[in-house]
Amino acid sequence: MLLQNAFTDALSESDWAFALAECIHIGGFAIGVGSIALVDLQMLNLGMRHQTAARILRYTELWTVTGLIFVVFSGMVLFSSMPGVYLVNQVFPIKMYVLVAALIYNFTLHRKVAVMDNPPPLLSKAAAIVSLLLWVSIIFGGIFTGFLE
């Protein structure tokens, strides 16, 4: 508890600590969600057509996991700086539920479709669209968390 209070005080009193945590959070999203979007765009036949989704997934997997780890830990730092603000926010819990759904979806169903040799085009497109909708919803949830209470 004492460590949390010291940590929270440092975030609240420092001019740059919260901004740095926010930059790490946004950067983690850019890396993690960006690498997932590369796979999704290929599954939608909108990019990297000379590569398979499985190959892109394999090449970006470390980037995806690293980015999402940065997102989760920086998100916990941001939350710990002002838990009262986030707990009463109407959008924040929805964002958290969608984040859990997106993580589960990405590492289960989405991955199964992406690594298939020749997935049915409709299945591939549906998996990519659901993935993109989940991740974009989380990003918009983060934006609206700051504006809606």
Protein backbone atom coordinates (compact mmCIF):
# COMPACT_ATOMS: atom_id res chain seq x y z
CA MET A 1 0.00 0.00 0.00
CA LEU A 2 2.84 2.38 0.84
CA LEU A 3 4.52 1.63 -2.49
CA GLN A 4 1.26 2.27 -4.34
CA ASN A 5 0.78 5.61 -2.56
CA ALA A 6 4.35 6.70 -3.34
CA PHE A 7 3.92 5.60 -6.94
CA THR A 8 0.56 7.33 -7.29
CA ASP A 9 1.92 10.50 -5.70
CA ALA A 10 4.88 10.49 -8.10
CA LEU A 11 2.51 10.20 -11.07
CA SER A 12 0.26 12.95 -9.77
CA GLU A 13 2.99 15.39 -8.78
CA SER A 14 5.36 14.96 -11.70
CA ASP A 15 4.88 17.11 -14.78
CA TRP A 16 6.00 14.37 -17.14
CA ALA A 17 5.31 10.96 -15.52
CA PHE A 18 1.64 10.68 -16.51
CA ALA A 19 2.40 11.94 -20.02
CA LEU A 20 5.21 9.40 -20.37
CA ALA A 21 2.94 6.56 -19.24
CA GLU A 22 0.30 7.77 -21.72
CA CYS A 23 2.87 7.82 -24.55
CA ILE A 24 3.97 4.27 -23.69
CA HIS A 25 0.31 3.20 -23.62
CA ILE A 26 -0.44 4.72 -27.02
CA GLY A 27 2.83 3.42 -28.49
CA GLY A 28 2.04 -0.07 -27.24
CA PHE A 29 -1.34 0.11 -28.94
CA ALA A 30 0.23 1.30 -32.16
CA ILE A 31 2.65 -1.63 -32.18
CA GLY A 32 0.29 -4.33 -30.88
CA VAL A 33 -2.86 -3.36 -32.75
CA GLY A 34 -0.89 -2.29 -35.81
CA SER A 35 0.66 -5.74 -36.13
CA ILE A 36 -2.75 -7.38 -35.70
CA ALA A 37 -4.17 -5.03 -38.34
CA LEU A 38 -1.50 -6.18 -40.81
CA VAL A 39 -2.83 -9.73 -40.50
CA ASP A 40 -6.43 -8.50 -40.73
CA LEU A 41 -5.76 -6.44 -43.85
CA GLN A 42 -4.19 -9.44 -45.54
CA MET A 43 -7.20 -11.55 -44.56
CA LEU A 44 -9.40 -8.91 -46.20
CA ASN A 45 -7.19 -8.95 -49.32
CA LEU A 46 -6.38 -5.28 -48.79
CA GLY A 47 -2.64 -5.56 -48.38
CA MET A 48 0.43 -7.78 -48.52
CA ARG A 49 -1.21 -10.11 -50.99
CA HIS A 50 2.07 -11.84 -51.75
CA GLN A 51 2.21 -13.07 -48.11
CA THR A 52 -0.10 -15.43 -46.29
CA ALA A 53 -1.87 -14.37 -43.10
CA ALA A 54 -0.05 -17.19 -41.29
CA ARG A 55 3.34 -15.87 -42.37
CA ILE A 56 2.50 -12.29 -41.38
CA LEU A 57 1.19 -13.56 -38.06
CA ARG A 58 4.41 -15.48 -37.47
CA TYR A 59 6.58 -12.45 -38.29
CA THR A 60 4.55 -10.00 -36.20
CA GLU A 61 3.75 -12.24 -33.23
CA LEU A 62 6.57 -10.94 -31.02
CA TRP A 63 5.64 -7.33 -31.87
CA THR A 64 1.99 -8.01 -31.07
CA VAL A 65 2.70 -9.59 -27.70
CA THR A 66 5.31 -6.96 -26.77
CA GLY A 67 2.99 -4.10 -27.70
CA LEU A 68 0.09 -5.59 -25.77
CA ILE A 69 2.28 -6.15 -22.70
CA PHE A 70 3.25 -2.48 -22.80
CA VAL A 71 -0.44 -1.57 -23.14
CA VAL A 72 -1.52 -3.63 -20.14
CA PHE A 73 1.24 -2.48 -17.80
CA SER A 74 1.11 1.18 -18.80
CA GLY A 75 -2.69 0.98 -18.52
CA MET A 76 -2.37 -0.26 -14.95
CA VAL A 77 -0.01 2.64 -14.22
CA LEU A 78 -2.47 5.13 -15.69
CA PHE A 79 -5.36 3.56 -13.76
CA SER A 80 -3.43 3.62 -10.48
CA SER A 81 -2.81 7.35 -10.88
CA MET A 82 -6.54 8.17 -10.72
CA PRO A 83 -8.62 5.09 -9.91
CA GLY A 84 -11.56 7.14 -8.66
CA VAL A 85 -11.86 8.91 -12.00
CA TYR A 86 -11.79 5.67 -14.01
CA LEU A 87 -14.13 3.74 -11.73
CA VAL A 88 -16.96 6.26 -12.12
CA ASN A 89 -16.43 6.72 -15.86
CA GLN A 90 -19.23 5.18 -17.95
CA VAL A 91 -17.00 4.17 -20.86
CA PHE A 92 -14.05 2.69 -18.96
CA PRO A 93 -15.69 -0.62 -17.87
CA ILE A 94 -17.00 -1.19 -21.39
CA LYS A 95 -13.49 -0.63 -22.74
CA MET A 96 -12.12 -3.21 -20.27
CA TYR A 97 -14.73 -5.82 -21.23
CA VAL A 98 -14.04 -5.28 -24.92
CA LEU A 99 -10.28 -5.49 -24.26
CA VAL A 100 -10.69 -8.88 -22.58
CA ALA A 101 -12.92 -10.05 -25.46
CA ALA A 102 -10.39 -8.81 -28.04
CA LEU A 103 -7.47 -10.53 -26.33
CA ILE A 104 -9.35 -13.82 -26.06
CA TYR A 105 -10.59 -13.53 -29.65
CA ASN A 106 -7.17 -12.61 -31.03
CA PHE A 107 -5.33 -15.50 -29.41
CA THR A 108 -8.01 -18.12 -30.16
CA LEU A 109 -10.47 -17.85 -33.07
CA HIS A 110 -8.64 -15.14 -35.01
CA ARG A 111 -5.37 -17.05 -34.78
CA LYS A 112 -7.01 -20.33 -35.89
CA VAL A 113 -8.40 -18.69 -39.02
CA ALA A 114 -5.17 -16.82 -39.76
CA VAL A 115 -3.03 -19.97 -39.69
CA MET A 116 -5.38 -22.04 -41.90
CA ASP A 117 -3.87 -23.07 -45.23
CA ASN A 118 -6.87 -22.09 -47.33
CA PRO A 119 -9.60 -20.63 -45.14
CA PRO A 120 -12.97 -19.99 -46.76
CA PRO A 121 -12.92 -16.35 -47.93
CA LEU A 122 -16.07 -15.49 -46.00
CA LEU A 123 -14.64 -16.92 -42.76
CA SER A 124 -11.36 -15.10 -43.27
CA LYS A 125 -13.08 -11.78 -43.93
CA ALA A 126 -15.48 -12.21 -41.01
CA ALA A 127 -12.63 -13.01 -38.62
CA ALA A 128 -10.69 -9.95 -39.77
CA ILE A 129 -13.70 -7.62 -39.54
CA VAL A 130 -14.55 -8.77 -36.00
CA SER A 131 -10.92 -8.31 -34.99
CA LEU A 132 -10.70 -4.80 -36.43
CA LEU A 133 -14.03 -3.81 -34.85
CA LEU A 134 -12.92 -5.01 -31.44
CA TRP A 135 -9.57 -3.20 -31.52
CA VAL A 136 -10.99 0.01 -32.98
CA SER A 137 -13.70 -0.05 -30.28
CA ILE A 138 -11.01 -0.24 -27.60
CA ILE A 139 -9.13 2.68 -29.09
CA PHE A 140 -12.30 4.78 -29.29
CA GLY A 141 -13.12 3.69 -25.74
CA GLY A 142 -9.78 5.06 -24.62
CA ILE A 143 -10.39 8.34 -26.38
CA PHE A 144 -13.90 8.69 -24.95
CA THR A 145 -12.76 7.72 -21.45
CA GLY A 146 -11.11 11.12 -21.28
CA PHE A 147 -14.20 13.01 -22.44
CA LEU A 148 -17.21 11.25 -20.91
CA GLU A 149 -17.96 10.80 -17.25
